[in-house]
Protein backbone atom coordinates (compact mmCIF):
# COMPACT_ATOMS: atom_id res chain seq x y z
CA MET A 1 -0.13 0.31 0.03
CA SER A 2 1.42 3.53 -1.00
CA LEU A 3 1.83 6.40 1.21
CA PRO A 4 -0.90 8.35 -0.55
CA SER A 5 -3.30 5.59 0.32
CA LEU A 6 -2.29 5.63 3.73
CA LEU A 7 -2.55 9.56 3.99
CA LEU A 8 -6.15 9.08 2.35
CA GLY A 9 -7.27 6.09 4.57
CA PHE A 10 -6.26 7.92 8.01
CA VAL A 11 -8.35 10.89 6.32
CA ILE A 12 -11.35 8.89 6.05
CA SER A 13 -11.10 6.65 9.25
CA THR A 14 -10.69 10.24 11.11
CA LEU A 15 -13.66 11.52 9.55
CA LEU A 16 -15.77 8.56 10.20
CA GLY A 17 -14.85 8.74 13.93
CA ALA A 18 -15.32 12.72 14.30
CA GLY A 19 -18.62 12.50 12.03
CA PHE A 20 -19.82 9.69 14.60
CA HIS A 21 -18.96 12.00 17.18
CA ALA A 22 -20.60 15.27 16.12
CA VAL A 23 -23.76 13.09 15.50
CA ARG A 24 -23.66 11.64 19.10
CA GLY A 25 -21.63 14.17 21.08
CA GLY A 26 -19.52 14.16 23.87
CA GLY A 27 -16.84 15.55 25.69
CA GLY A 28 -13.30 15.51 25.29
CA GLY A 29 -12.97 11.57 26.42
CA LYS A 30 -15.84 10.21 24.11
CA LEU A 31 -14.10 11.98 20.83
CA LEU A 32 -10.71 10.11 21.60
CA LEU A 33 -12.26 7.13 21.86
CA ASP A 34 -14.73 7.51 18.92
CA LEU A 35 -11.45 8.32 16.73
CA ILE A 36 -9.88 4.96 17.90
CA LEU A 37 -12.97 2.72 17.29
CA GLY A 38 -13.29 5.03 14.08
CA TRP A 39 -9.34 4.04 12.51
CA LEU A 40 -9.47 0.35 14.38
CA GLY A 41 -12.98 -0.76 12.34
CA PHE A 42 -11.70 1.11 9.22
CA TRP A 43 -8.51 -0.59 9.19
CA LEU A 44 -9.61 -3.91 10.38
CA GLY A 45 -12.39 -3.69 7.51
CA GLN A 46 -9.24 -2.95 5.14
CA LEU A 47 -7.49 -5.68 6.16
CA ALA A 48 -10.18 -7.98 5.92
CA ALA A 49 -11.08 -7.04 1.93
CA ALA A 50 -7.29 -7.20 1.11
CA ARG A 51 -7.07 -10.65 2.61
CA LEU A 52 -10.44 -11.39 0.92
CA GLY A 53 -9.00 -9.62 -2.68
CA LEU A 54 -12.51 -7.90 -3.01
CA THR A 55 -11.64 -4.95 -5.67
CA ILE A 56 -15.20 -3.74 -6.06
CA GLY A 57 -15.92 0.23 -3.84
CA SER A 58 -12.48 0.68 -4.11
CA ILE A 59 -10.48 3.61 -4.37
CA GLY A 60 -6.81 2.39 -5.26
CA SER A 61 -5.90 0.18 -2.75
CA LEU A 62 -8.57 1.65 -0.37
CA HIS A 63 -11.43 -1.17 -0.13
CA LEU A 64 -14.27 1.26 1.16
CA ILE A 65 -17.10 -1.06 0.76
CA LEU A 66 -15.75 -3.06 3.33
CA ALA A 67 -13.94 -0.67 5.39
CA LEU A 68 -16.60 1.94 6.20
CA PRO A 69 -19.24 -0.55 7.36
CA VAL A 70 -16.70 -1.96 9.51
CA GLY A 71 -15.77 1.06 11.12
CA LEU A 72 -19.41 2.47 11.69
CA VAL A 73 -20.28 -0.86 13.15
CA PHE A 74 -16.84 -0.58 15.38
CA LEU A 75 -18.47 2.68 16.65
CA PHE A 76 -21.58 1.68 16.91
CA VAL A 77 -20.26 -1.60 19.09
CA GLY A 78 -17.64 0.76 20.94
CA ASN A 79 -20.07 3.34 21.73
CA TRP A 80 -23.19 0.86 23.45
CA LEU A 81 -20.08 -1.01 25.29
CA SER A 82 -18.07 2.04 26.37
CA PRO A 83 -18.30 2.87 30.35
CA VAL A 84 -17.58 7.02 28.58
CA GLU A 85 -21.17 8.95 28.80
CA ALA A 86 -22.05 12.13 27.10
CA PRO A 87 -22.30 14.75 29.96
CA LYS A 88 -25.96 15.48 30.65
CA LYS A 89 -27.63 18.39 29.94
CA SER A 90 -28.49 20.71 32.85
CA LYS A 91 -32.16 22.21 32.55
CA ALA A 92 -32.12 26.18 32.60
CA ARG A 93 -34.56 27.34 35.12
């Protein structure tokens, strides 16, 4: 895998985690968790697609057809199992 593919994959996986965080909300700890889960899921999906030899839905050597859904699954399951909670919003009186 070339350096441009690695950089593009890093950017896409970072956007995946940051976008998930923007929708779900939370503090700094939650952001870090979402980024790590996005990175892990994306790259494990990429590795699985490369091992299976999938070429559909690829950009260069990045196999997005499997990497993105696996990244999303990691984010949803990781946030479901995580003890890190988003801060509660207080009601203004």
